Amino acid sequence: MQKEYPDIGVAFRKKLENAGVVISKGQGNYEALNNVPGIFFLLLVKCPVLAKDIGVELNSAVCYLSK
């Protein structure tokens, strides 16, 4: 990772940096980690703001790759 993410601890950041693939489940994890590129999020979109943010309909089940 090139950027600094102040909300992520050093140990967790190192695990993210060394992982070949990161899959994160749930809307809460998306809200916490969506600014970290390269994470696949599996979630049910329950919030209209999130639905608009990622361009899907409300109550959609999605696999989304963060950019």
N, C-alpha and C. Protein backbone atom coordinates (compact mmCIF):
# COMPACT_ATOMS: atom_id res chain seq x y z
N MET A 1 0.84 -1.18 0.00
CA MET A 1 0.00 0.00 0.00
C MET A 1 0.88 1.24 0.00
N GLN A 2 0.47 2.22 -0.73
CA GLN A 2 1.24 3.44 -0.84
C GLN A 2 0.80 4.50 0.15
N LYS A 3 -0.47 4.51 0.51
CA LYS A 3 -1.01 5.57 1.35
C LYS A 3 -0.95 5.19 2.81
N GLU A 4 -1.08 6.19 3.66
CA GLU A 4 -1.20 5.98 5.09
C GLU A 4 -2.68 5.95 5.45
N TYR A 5 -3.05 5.02 6.32
CA TYR A 5 -4.43 4.90 6.76
C TYR A 5 -4.42 4.99 8.28
N PRO A 6 -4.65 6.18 8.83
CA PRO A 6 -4.50 6.40 10.27
C PRO A 6 -5.43 5.57 11.14
N ASP A 7 -6.56 5.10 10.59
CA ASP A 7 -7.50 4.33 11.40
C ASP A 7 -7.14 2.85 11.49
N ILE A 8 -6.09 2.42 10.80
CA ILE A 8 -5.69 1.02 10.79
C ILE A 8 -4.41 0.88 11.60
N GLY A 9 -4.41 -0.06 12.54
CA GLY A 9 -3.22 -0.31 13.35
C GLY A 9 -2.08 -0.88 12.54
N VAL A 10 -0.87 -0.78 13.07
CA VAL A 10 0.33 -1.21 12.36
C VAL A 10 0.30 -2.70 12.05
N ALA A 11 -0.07 -3.53 13.02
CA ALA A 11 -0.09 -4.98 12.80
C ALA A 11 -1.10 -5.36 11.72
N PHE A 12 -2.28 -4.76 11.77
CA PHE A 12 -3.30 -5.06 10.76
C PHE A 12 -2.87 -4.55 9.39
N ARG A 13 -2.26 -3.37 9.33
CA ARG A 13 -1.78 -2.82 8.07
C ARG A 13 -0.76 -3.76 7.43
N LYS A 14 0.14 -4.32 8.24
CA LYS A 14 1.14 -5.25 7.70
C LYS A 14 0.48 -6.50 7.13
N LYS A 15 -0.56 -7.01 7.80
CA LYS A 15 -1.28 -8.17 7.27
C LYS A 15 -1.95 -7.84 5.94
N LEU A 16 -2.54 -6.65 5.84
CA LEU A 16 -3.16 -6.24 4.58
C LEU A 16 -2.13 -6.12 3.47
N GLU A 17 -0.98 -5.54 3.79
CA GLU A 17 0.06 -5.34 2.79
C GLU A 17 0.63 -6.65 2.27
N ASN A 18 0.66 -7.67 3.11
CA ASN A 18 1.28 -8.94 2.74
C ASN A 18 0.29 -9.97 2.20
N ALA A 19 -0.99 -9.65 2.23
CA ALA A 19 -2.00 -10.59 1.76
C ALA A 19 -2.10 -10.58 0.24
N GLY A 20 -2.23 -11.75 -0.34
CA GLY A 20 -2.42 -11.85 -1.79
C GLY A 20 -3.81 -11.39 -2.19
N VAL A 21 -4.81 -11.77 -1.38
CA VAL A 21 -6.20 -11.40 -1.61
C VAL A 21 -6.83 -11.09 -0.26
N VAL A 22 -7.61 -10.02 -0.20
CA VAL A 22 -8.34 -9.68 1.02
C VAL A 22 -9.82 -9.68 0.70
N ILE A 23 -10.58 -10.51 1.43
CA ILE A 23 -12.03 -10.56 1.29
C ILE A 23 -12.62 -10.14 2.61
N SER A 24 -13.47 -9.14 2.57
CA SER A 24 -14.08 -8.59 3.77
C SER A 24 -15.60 -8.71 3.67
N LYS A 25 -16.23 -9.22 4.74
CA LYS A 25 -17.67 -9.48 4.72
C LYS A 25 -18.40 -8.44 5.57
N GLY A 26 -19.44 -7.87 4.99
CA GLY A 26 -20.33 -7.01 5.75
C GLY A 26 -20.18 -5.52 5.48
N GLN A 27 -21.30 -4.83 5.65
CA GLN A 27 -21.36 -3.40 5.38
C GLN A 27 -20.48 -2.60 6.34
N GLY A 28 -20.40 -3.03 7.59
CA GLY A 28 -19.55 -2.33 8.56
C GLY A 28 -18.09 -2.34 8.16
N ASN A 29 -17.63 -3.47 7.65
CA ASN A 29 -16.24 -3.54 7.18
C ASN A 29 -16.03 -2.65 5.97
N TYR A 30 -17.02 -2.58 5.09
CA TYR A 30 -16.92 -1.67 3.95
C TYR A 30 -16.78 -0.23 4.45
N GLU A 31 -17.60 0.14 5.42
CA GLU A 31 -17.56 1.51 5.95
C GLU A 31 -16.21 1.82 6.58
N ALA A 32 -15.58 0.83 7.19
CA ALA A 32 -14.29 1.05 7.85
C ALA A 32 -13.10 1.00 6.90
N LEU A 33 -13.20 0.20 5.83
CA LEU A 33 -12.03 -0.08 4.99
C LEU A 33 -12.16 0.32 3.54
N ASN A 34 -13.22 1.03 3.17
CA ASN A 34 -13.44 1.31 1.74
C ASN A 34 -12.38 2.21 1.13
N ASN A 35 -11.59 2.89 1.96
CA ASN A 35 -10.54 3.76 1.41
C ASN A 35 -9.24 3.00 1.18
N VAL A 36 -9.21 1.70 1.49
CA VAL A 36 -8.03 0.88 1.26
C VAL A 36 -8.22 0.16 -0.07
N PRO A 37 -7.37 0.42 -1.06
CA PRO A 37 -7.56 -0.20 -2.38
C PRO A 37 -7.27 -1.69 -2.37
N GLY A 38 -7.97 -2.42 -3.25
CA GLY A 38 -7.68 -3.82 -3.47
C GLY A 38 -8.37 -4.80 -2.55
N ILE A 39 -9.39 -4.37 -1.82
CA ILE A 39 -10.13 -5.27 -0.94
C ILE A 39 -11.44 -5.65 -1.63
N PHE A 40 -11.75 -6.94 -1.63
CA PHE A 40 -13.04 -7.41 -2.11
C PHE A 40 -14.01 -7.40 -0.94
N PHE A 41 -15.14 -6.73 -1.11
CA PHE A 41 -16.17 -6.67 -0.08
C PHE A 41 -17.37 -7.50 -0.51
N LEU A 42 -17.82 -8.40 0.35
CA LEU A 42 -19.04 -9.16 0.15
C LEU A 42 -20.06 -8.60 1.13
N LEU A 43 -21.16 -8.05 0.61
CA LEU A 43 -22.12 -7.44 1.52
C LEU A 43 -23.50 -7.32 0.90
N LEU A 44 -24.46 -7.14 1.79
CA LEU A 44 -25.83 -6.83 1.41
C LEU A 44 -25.99 -5.33 1.63
N VAL A 45 -26.31 -4.60 0.59
CA VAL A 45 -26.40 -3.14 0.66
C VAL A 45 -27.73 -2.76 1.30
N LYS A 46 -27.65 -2.27 2.56
CA LYS A 46 -28.84 -1.94 3.33
C LYS A 46 -29.03 -0.44 3.52
N CYS A 47 -28.14 0.34 2.98
CA CYS A 47 -28.15 1.79 3.19
C CYS A 47 -28.20 2.51 1.84
N PRO A 48 -29.14 3.46 1.67
CA PRO A 48 -29.24 4.18 0.40
C PRO A 48 -27.97 4.96 0.04
N VAL A 49 -27.27 5.46 1.04
CA VAL A 49 -26.03 6.21 0.77
C VAL A 49 -24.97 5.27 0.19
N LEU A 50 -24.85 4.08 0.78
CA LEU A 50 -23.89 3.10 0.27
C LEU A 50 -24.30 2.62 -1.12
N ALA A 51 -25.58 2.38 -1.33
CA ALA A 51 -26.07 1.95 -2.64
C ALA A 51 -25.66 2.96 -3.72
N LYS A 52 -25.84 4.23 -3.42
CA LYS A 52 -25.46 5.28 -4.38
C LYS A 52 -23.94 5.32 -4.56
N ASP A 53 -23.21 5.17 -3.46
CA ASP A 53 -21.74 5.23 -3.49
C ASP A 53 -21.14 4.19 -4.42
N ILE A 54 -21.67 2.97 -4.38
CA ILE A 54 -21.09 1.92 -5.22
C ILE A 54 -21.91 1.62 -6.47
N GLY A 55 -23.02 2.33 -6.64
CA GLY A 55 -23.79 2.24 -7.88
C GLY A 55 -24.65 1.00 -8.02
N VAL A 56 -25.30 0.59 -6.93
CA VAL A 56 -26.19 -0.58 -6.99
C VAL A 56 -27.52 -0.22 -6.34
N GLU A 57 -28.50 -1.11 -6.53
CA GLU A 57 -29.81 -0.89 -5.91
C GLU A 57 -29.78 -1.32 -4.45
N LEU A 58 -30.62 -0.69 -3.65
CA LEU A 58 -30.77 -1.03 -2.25
C LEU A 58 -31.15 -2.51 -2.13
N ASN A 59 -30.65 -3.18 -1.12
CA ASN A 59 -30.87 -4.60 -0.84
C ASN A 59 -30.20 -5.54 -1.84
N SER A 60 -29.22 -5.03 -2.58
CA SER A 60 -28.45 -5.88 -3.50
C SER A 60 -27.37 -6.62 -2.72
N ALA A 61 -27.13 -7.88 -3.09
CA ALA A 61 -26.00 -8.64 -2.58
C ALA A 61 -24.86 -8.40 -3.58
N VAL A 62 -23.72 -7.94 -3.11
CA VAL A 62 -22.64 -7.56 -4.03
C VAL A 62 -21.28 -8.10 -3.59
N CYS A 63 -20.42 -8.21 -4.57
CA CYS A 63 -18.99 -8.38 -4.36
C CYS A 63 -18.37 -7.14 -5.02
N TYR A 64 -17.73 -6.30 -4.24
CA TYR A 64 -17.24 -5.01 -4.72
C TYR A 64 -15.73 -4.92 -4.45
N LEU A 65 -14.96 -4.52 -5.44
CA LEU A 65 -13.53 -4.33 -5.29
C LEU A 65 -13.22 -2.85 -5.08
N SER A 66 -12.61 -2.53 -3.96
CA SER A 66 -12.28 -1.12 -3.67
C SER A 66 -11.15 -0.65 -4.57
N LYS A 67 -11.21 0.65 -4.90
CA LYS A 67 -10.23 1.25 -5.81
C LYS A 67 -9.36 2.24 -5.08
